[in-house]
């Protein structure tokens, strides 16, 4: 079954889902092959280490983050990006409050509030 978002997605009409202490996300756009998600972090919030079978690219819109992926750790800031291979352990800690744009291929079905 093919699933996809509307053609135009407006921030003020999109649900924020709390996904951890100091972390919330908005699923912005998707189809079966791709998903774009906005994630807002408060300073000190943690994206717990985890794996998933999806390819992921994360763009830092604002803030400062300590990211670990595939055993390597780096500080990234606005304008930087992280590439995360499928099935690789990764996570982050927010050093200064900020927002990330996560993209996944294929889409993360587990992120859909209303499948």
N, C-alpha and C. Protein backbone atom coordinates (compact mmCIF):
# COMPACT_ATOMS: atom_id res chain seq x y z
N UNK A 1 0.85 -1.18 0.00
CA UNK A 1 0.00 0.00 0.00
C UNK A 1 0.89 1.24 0.00
N UNK A 2 0.64 2.13 -0.92
CA UNK A 2 1.41 3.37 -1.00
C UNK A 2 0.83 4.39 -0.03
N UNK A 3 1.73 5.00 0.75
CA UNK A 3 1.32 6.06 1.66
C UNK A 3 2.19 7.27 1.39
N UNK A 4 1.57 8.44 1.49
CA UNK A 4 2.34 9.65 1.30
C UNK A 4 1.64 10.83 1.96
N UNK A 5 2.43 11.86 2.24
CA UNK A 5 1.90 13.06 2.86
C UNK A 5 1.19 13.92 1.83
N UNK A 6 0.58 14.98 2.31
CA UNK A 6 -0.01 15.96 1.41
C UNK A 6 1.11 16.65 0.63
N UNK A 7 0.75 17.38 -0.40
CA UNK A 7 1.75 18.11 -1.19
C UNK A 7 2.34 19.29 -0.43
N UNK A 8 1.53 19.96 0.38
CA UNK A 8 1.99 21.10 1.15
C UNK A 8 1.77 20.80 2.62
N UNK A 9 2.82 20.97 3.42
CA UNK A 9 2.76 20.68 4.84
C UNK A 9 3.11 21.97 5.58
N UNK A 10 2.20 22.42 6.43
CA UNK A 10 2.37 23.68 7.15
C UNK A 10 2.73 23.39 8.61
N UNK A 11 3.79 24.04 9.08
CA UNK A 11 4.26 23.80 10.44
C UNK A 11 3.14 23.96 11.48
N UNK A 12 2.37 25.04 11.36
CA UNK A 12 1.35 25.30 12.38
C UNK A 12 0.20 24.29 12.36
N UNK A 13 0.10 23.48 11.32
CA UNK A 13 -0.95 22.47 11.22
C UNK A 13 -0.42 21.05 11.48
N UNK A 14 0.87 20.95 11.80
CA UNK A 14 1.50 19.65 11.96
C UNK A 14 1.76 19.36 13.43
N UNK A 15 1.39 18.19 13.87
CA UNK A 15 1.50 17.78 15.27
C UNK A 15 2.95 17.63 15.68
N UNK A 16 3.29 18.16 16.86
CA UNK A 16 4.57 17.89 17.50
C UNK A 16 4.36 16.71 18.42
N UNK A 17 5.21 15.72 18.33
CA UNK A 17 5.13 14.54 19.18
C UNK A 17 6.32 14.56 20.14
N UNK A 18 6.05 14.42 21.44
CA UNK A 18 7.13 14.34 22.42
C UNK A 18 7.71 12.93 22.34
N UNK A 19 9.03 12.85 22.13
CA UNK A 19 9.67 11.54 21.94
C UNK A 19 10.75 11.26 22.98
N UNK A 20 10.91 12.15 23.91
CA UNK A 20 11.89 11.99 24.98
C UNK A 20 11.93 13.26 25.79
N UNK A 21 12.63 13.21 26.91
CA UNK A 21 12.73 14.39 27.75
C UNK A 21 13.49 15.48 26.99
N UNK A 22 12.80 16.58 26.70
CA UNK A 22 13.41 17.69 25.99
C UNK A 22 13.54 17.49 24.50
N UNK A 23 12.85 16.47 23.95
CA UNK A 23 12.93 16.18 22.52
C UNK A 23 11.52 16.00 21.96
N UNK A 24 11.25 16.70 20.85
CA UNK A 24 9.96 16.54 20.17
C UNK A 24 10.19 16.57 18.66
N UNK A 25 9.26 15.95 17.93
CA UNK A 25 9.44 15.87 16.47
C UNK A 25 8.14 16.14 15.73
N UNK A 26 8.31 16.62 14.50
CA UNK A 26 7.22 16.81 13.54
C UNK A 26 7.56 16.02 12.28
N UNK A 27 6.69 15.09 11.92
CA UNK A 27 6.85 14.40 10.63
C UNK A 27 6.29 15.35 9.58
N UNK A 28 7.15 15.82 8.70
CA UNK A 28 6.75 16.86 7.76
C UNK A 28 6.28 16.31 6.41
N UNK A 29 7.05 15.42 5.81
CA UNK A 29 6.69 14.92 4.48
C UNK A 29 7.23 13.51 4.32
N UNK A 30 6.50 12.69 3.54
CA UNK A 30 6.95 11.32 3.34
C UNK A 30 6.22 10.66 2.18
N UNK A 31 6.84 9.64 1.67
CA UNK A 31 6.19 8.61 0.85
C UNK A 31 6.90 7.31 1.19
N UNK A 32 6.63 6.26 0.47
CA UNK A 32 7.22 4.97 0.83
C UNK A 32 8.75 4.97 0.79
N UNK A 33 9.35 5.82 -0.04
CA UNK A 33 10.80 5.81 -0.21
C UNK A 33 11.56 6.85 0.62
N UNK A 34 10.87 7.87 1.16
CA UNK A 34 11.56 9.00 1.78
C UNK A 34 10.73 9.61 2.89
N UNK A 35 11.41 10.14 3.93
CA UNK A 35 10.71 10.85 5.00
C UNK A 35 11.58 12.00 5.48
N UNK A 36 10.95 13.15 5.74
CA UNK A 36 11.62 14.31 6.31
C UNK A 36 10.96 14.65 7.64
N UNK A 37 11.77 14.76 8.69
CA UNK A 37 11.27 14.96 10.04
C UNK A 37 12.05 16.10 10.69
N UNK A 38 11.33 17.00 11.35
CA UNK A 38 11.96 18.08 12.11
C UNK A 38 12.00 17.65 13.58
N UNK A 39 13.17 17.80 14.23
CA UNK A 39 13.33 17.40 15.62
C UNK A 39 13.91 18.57 16.41
N UNK A 40 13.21 18.97 17.47
CA UNK A 40 13.63 20.08 18.32
C UNK A 40 14.16 19.53 19.64
N UNK A 41 15.33 20.02 20.05
CA UNK A 41 15.98 19.59 21.28
C UNK A 41 16.18 20.76 22.21
N UNK A 42 15.94 20.53 23.51
CA UNK A 42 16.33 21.48 24.55
C UNK A 42 17.78 21.16 24.91
N UNK A 43 18.51 22.15 25.43
CA UNK A 43 19.89 21.92 25.85
C UNK A 43 19.94 20.78 26.87
N UNK A 44 20.88 19.86 26.68
CA UNK A 44 21.05 18.72 27.57
C UNK A 44 20.24 17.50 27.19
N UNK A 45 19.27 17.65 26.29
CA UNK A 45 18.45 16.52 25.87
C UNK A 45 19.31 15.52 25.09
N UNK A 46 18.89 14.26 25.16
CA UNK A 46 19.66 13.18 24.55
C UNK A 46 18.80 12.43 23.54
N UNK A 47 19.37 12.18 22.39
CA UNK A 47 18.81 11.24 21.42
C UNK A 47 19.49 9.92 21.71
N UNK A 48 18.83 9.03 22.44
CA UNK A 48 19.44 7.80 22.93
C UNK A 48 20.04 6.98 21.79
N UNK A 49 21.18 6.33 22.04
CA UNK A 49 21.78 5.48 21.01
C UNK A 49 20.80 4.40 20.54
N UNK A 50 20.73 4.22 19.23
CA UNK A 50 19.81 3.26 18.64
C UNK A 50 20.27 2.90 17.23
N UNK A 51 19.64 1.90 16.66
CA UNK A 51 19.88 1.52 15.27
C UNK A 51 18.55 1.38 14.56
N UNK A 52 18.57 1.44 13.25
CA UNK A 52 17.40 1.17 12.42
C UNK A 52 17.90 0.83 11.02
N UNK A 53 17.08 0.16 10.22
CA UNK A 53 17.53 -0.28 8.91
C UNK A 53 17.51 0.80 7.83
N UNK A 54 17.16 2.02 8.20
CA UNK A 54 17.02 3.11 7.23
C UNK A 54 18.33 3.86 7.05
N UNK A 55 18.58 4.37 5.86
CA UNK A 55 19.64 5.32 5.63
C UNK A 55 19.14 6.66 6.16
N UNK A 56 20.01 7.41 6.84
CA UNK A 56 19.60 8.67 7.44
C UNK A 56 20.62 9.76 7.14
N UNK A 57 20.14 10.95 6.83
CA UNK A 57 20.98 12.14 6.75
C UNK A 57 20.32 13.19 7.65
N UNK A 58 21.12 13.80 8.50
CA UNK A 58 20.61 14.79 9.45
C UNK A 58 21.31 16.12 9.21
N UNK A 59 20.51 17.18 9.05
CA UNK A 59 21.01 18.53 8.83
C UNK A 59 20.73 19.35 10.08
N UNK A 60 21.72 20.10 10.55
CA UNK A 60 21.56 20.94 11.74
C UNK A 60 21.08 22.33 11.31
N UNK A 61 19.85 22.65 11.70
CA UNK A 61 19.27 23.97 11.41
C UNK A 61 19.81 24.99 12.40
N UNK A 62 19.83 24.62 13.67
CA UNK A 62 20.29 25.51 14.73
C UNK A 62 20.78 24.68 15.90
N UNK A 63 21.55 25.30 16.79
CA UNK A 63 22.03 24.62 17.98
C UNK A 63 23.40 24.00 17.79
N UNK A 64 23.80 23.24 18.82
CA UNK A 64 25.09 22.56 18.84
C UNK A 64 24.86 21.16 19.39
N UNK A 65 25.36 20.16 18.69
CA UNK A 65 25.10 18.77 19.04
C UNK A 65 26.39 17.96 19.07
N UNK A 66 26.47 17.02 20.01
CA UNK A 66 27.55 16.04 20.03
C UNK A 66 26.95 14.74 19.47
N UNK A 67 27.35 14.37 18.28
CA UNK A 67 26.81 13.19 17.60
C UNK A 67 27.82 12.06 17.63
N UNK A 68 27.33 10.85 17.83
CA UNK A 68 28.15 9.66 17.71
C UNK A 68 27.48 8.74 16.70
N UNK A 69 28.25 8.29 15.72
CA UNK A 69 27.75 7.33 14.74
C UNK A 69 28.89 6.40 14.35
N UNK A 70 28.61 5.12 14.36
CA UNK A 70 29.59 4.11 13.95
C UNK A 70 30.86 4.22 14.77
N UNK A 71 30.73 4.58 16.06
CA UNK A 71 31.87 4.66 16.95
C UNK A 71 32.66 5.95 16.90
N UNK A 72 32.26 6.89 16.05
CA UNK A 72 32.95 8.17 15.92
C UNK A 72 32.08 9.29 16.49
N UNK A 73 32.70 10.20 17.24
CA UNK A 73 31.97 11.31 17.86
C UNK A 73 32.51 12.63 17.33
N UNK A 74 31.59 13.56 17.07
CA UNK A 74 31.96 14.89 16.59
C UNK A 74 30.94 15.91 17.05
N UNK A 75 31.38 17.14 17.23
CA UNK A 75 30.49 18.25 17.53
C UNK A 75 30.06 18.85 16.19
N UNK A 76 28.74 19.01 16.02
CA UNK A 76 28.23 19.61 14.79
C UNK A 76 27.34 20.80 15.14
N UNK A 77 27.31 21.76 14.22
CA UNK A 77 26.58 23.02 14.45
C UNK A 77 25.72 23.34 13.23
N UNK A 78 25.00 24.45 13.31
CA UNK A 78 24.14 24.88 12.21
C UNK A 78 24.91 24.88 10.90
N UNK A 79 24.30 24.27 9.89
CA UNK A 79 24.91 24.16 8.57
C UNK A 79 25.63 22.85 8.34
N UNK A 80 25.89 22.08 9.42
CA UNK A 80 26.58 20.81 9.29
C UNK A 80 25.58 19.68 9.07
N UNK A 81 26.10 18.53 8.67
CA UNK A 81 25.26 17.37 8.36
C UNK A 81 25.94 16.10 8.85
N UNK A 82 25.13 15.10 9.18
CA UNK A 82 25.62 13.78 9.58
C UNK A 82 24.98 12.75 8.66
N UNK A 83 25.80 11.85 8.11
CA UNK A 83 25.30 10.72 7.32
C UNK A 83 25.35 9.49 8.20
N UNK A 84 24.23 8.77 8.31
CA UNK A 84 24.15 7.60 9.17
C UNK A 84 23.76 6.39 8.31
N UNK A 85 24.67 5.44 8.26
CA UNK A 85 24.45 4.23 7.48
C UNK A 85 23.38 3.36 8.14
N UNK A 86 22.69 2.53 7.37
CA UNK A 86 21.71 1.60 7.93
C UNK A 86 22.35 0.68 8.98
N UNK A 87 21.58 0.39 10.02
CA UNK A 87 21.95 -0.58 11.06
C UNK A 87 23.19 -0.20 11.87
N UNK A 88 23.58 1.07 11.87
CA UNK A 88 24.74 1.54 12.63
C UNK A 88 24.25 2.23 13.91
N UNK A 89 24.87 1.91 15.03
CA UNK A 89 24.51 2.54 16.30
C UNK A 89 24.86 4.02 16.25
N UNK A 90 23.89 4.86 16.62
CA UNK A 90 24.09 6.30 16.60
C UNK A 90 23.20 6.97 17.64
N UNK A 91 23.59 8.19 18.02
CA UNK A 91 22.82 8.97 18.99
C UNK A 91 23.45 10.34 19.13
N UNK A 92 22.82 11.21 19.93
CA UNK A 92 23.38 12.55 20.10
C UNK A 92 23.00 13.12 21.45
N UNK A 93 23.74 14.16 21.82
CA UNK A 93 23.43 14.96 22.99
C UNK A 93 23.39 16.40 22.52
N UNK A 94 22.36 17.13 22.93
CA UNK A 94 22.22 18.53 22.54
C UNK A 94 23.01 19.41 23.52
N UNK A 95 24.02 20.09 23.01
CA UNK A 95 24.87 20.96 23.81
C UNK A 95 24.21 22.34 23.97
N UNK A 96 23.70 22.88 22.87
CA UNK A 96 22.93 24.14 22.87
C UNK A 96 21.62 23.87 22.14
N UNK A 97 20.50 24.30 22.72
CA UNK A 97 19.18 24.04 22.15
C UNK A 97 19.17 24.27 20.64
N UNK A 98 18.48 23.39 19.94
CA UNK A 98 18.46 23.53 18.49
C UNK A 98 17.49 22.61 17.80
N UNK A 99 17.54 22.65 16.47
CA UNK A 99 16.63 21.88 15.63
C UNK A 99 17.42 21.13 14.57
N UNK A 100 17.01 19.89 14.36
CA UNK A 100 17.58 19.04 13.32
C UNK A 100 16.52 18.73 12.27
N UNK A 101 16.96 18.52 11.05
CA UNK A 101 16.11 17.96 10.00
C UNK A 101 16.66 16.58 9.70
N UNK A 102 15.87 15.56 10.00
CA UNK A 102 16.24 14.18 9.71
C UNK A 102 15.55 13.73 8.43
N UNK A 103 16.30 13.06 7.57
CA UNK A 103 15.71 12.43 6.39
C UNK A 103 16.01 10.94 6.46
N UNK A 104 15.04 10.14 6.03
CA UNK A 104 15.17 8.69 6.08
C UNK A 104 14.77 8.09 4.75
N UNK A 105 15.48 7.05 4.35
CA UNK A 105 15.11 6.28 3.17
C UNK A 105 15.27 4.81 3.52
N UNK A 106 14.23 4.00 3.37
CA UNK A 106 12.86 4.42 3.09
C UNK A 106 12.25 5.11 4.30
N UNK A 107 10.98 5.47 4.21
CA UNK A 107 10.33 6.19 5.31
C UNK A 107 10.30 5.33 6.58
N UNK A 108 10.20 5.99 7.71
CA UNK A 108 10.07 5.34 9.01
C UNK A 108 8.58 5.14 9.30
N UNK A 109 8.06 3.97 9.01
CA UNK A 109 6.65 3.71 9.28
C UNK A 109 6.32 3.86 10.75
N UNK A 110 7.29 3.58 11.62
CA UNK A 110 7.05 3.68 13.06
C UNK A 110 6.88 5.13 13.52
N UNK A 111 7.17 6.11 12.67
CA UNK A 111 6.99 7.51 13.01
C UNK A 111 5.59 8.03 12.66
N UNK A 112 4.83 7.27 11.92
CA UNK A 112 3.52 7.75 11.50
C UNK A 112 2.53 7.60 12.64
N UNK A 113 1.96 8.73 13.07
CA UNK A 113 0.98 8.74 14.16
C UNK A 113 -0.33 8.13 13.68
N UNK A 114 -0.73 8.46 12.47
CA UNK A 114 -1.98 7.94 11.89
C UNK A 114 -1.63 7.21 10.58
N UNK A 115 -1.32 5.90 10.68
CA UNK A 115 -0.93 5.17 9.47
C UNK A 115 -2.00 5.09 8.43
